[in-house]
Amino acid sequence: MTPPDTGRGIGEQDRADTPRDTFRILHVSTGNVCRSPITERLTRHFLADRLGDPAGGGLIVESAGTWGHEGAPMETNAETVLADFGADASGFVGRELLDEHVITADLVLTATRDHRAQVISMGHSAGLRTFTLKEFTRLVKAIDPATLPPLEQGVPERARALVRAAAALRGWLAAPNAEADEVHDPYGAPLPFFRSIGDEIHQALDPVVTALTGVGARH
């Protein structure tokens, strides 16, 4: 079977200076004011809850938009959704997706397949580390946690192994339908729709953060 697309243009040598004691997660949507801010801040919230570490155990979580509203605040309804989950929305500033964001990211999680295609088309060998959020969740659920490095070796090392395992599975574990890997855009929608999107993101992120950290959610 053909391996996943590895992108084109700038290669892995451009990422050689990435510190090994950190792991950078980039969430991507369109405007960077709704979906990706919710996903970014929920990921940070989950990491702090799992690890008891506001710094995320060496995981750096950011976001950007393919048509990002540079310098824009998060949508008010997105802030409300984050407040529902107890996550911090303060200080967020939207930004446009740039080459440097893709080059430095160890894992790119996008809202839709179109976003994924746009990231991969930028090059930088992004194909093996770029997934839609729901795609990555589906793949992560199929990975035996016992095959990943223990937390004692550091969260970044475990995260790198998880991405490699997910990339290897991608060609063998297809989506059940065309919509399965999509998180739809709530921009301009009323709060109930934002909350439904927030629930989708929350459900997709939970197993991902558990796999990344080796620690389940606290109930």
Foldseek 3Di string as FASTA:
>chain_A
DDAWDQFDDAELVLQVPQDLQAAEEEEEEAAQQAQRLLLQQVLLVQLCQFPVDSVSQRYHGYYAHCNYPFQDAHDPLRCVLCVVVVTDRPPDGYHHDDPVSQLNHLAYEYQAPVRQVVSRNSGHSNRLRYAHLLLLLVLLVVDDLVVFDACVVTLSRRLNVSSNSSSVCNVPDDDPDRCRRHQDDCVPHDNVSSNVSSVVSNVSVQSVSCSSRVGHGDD
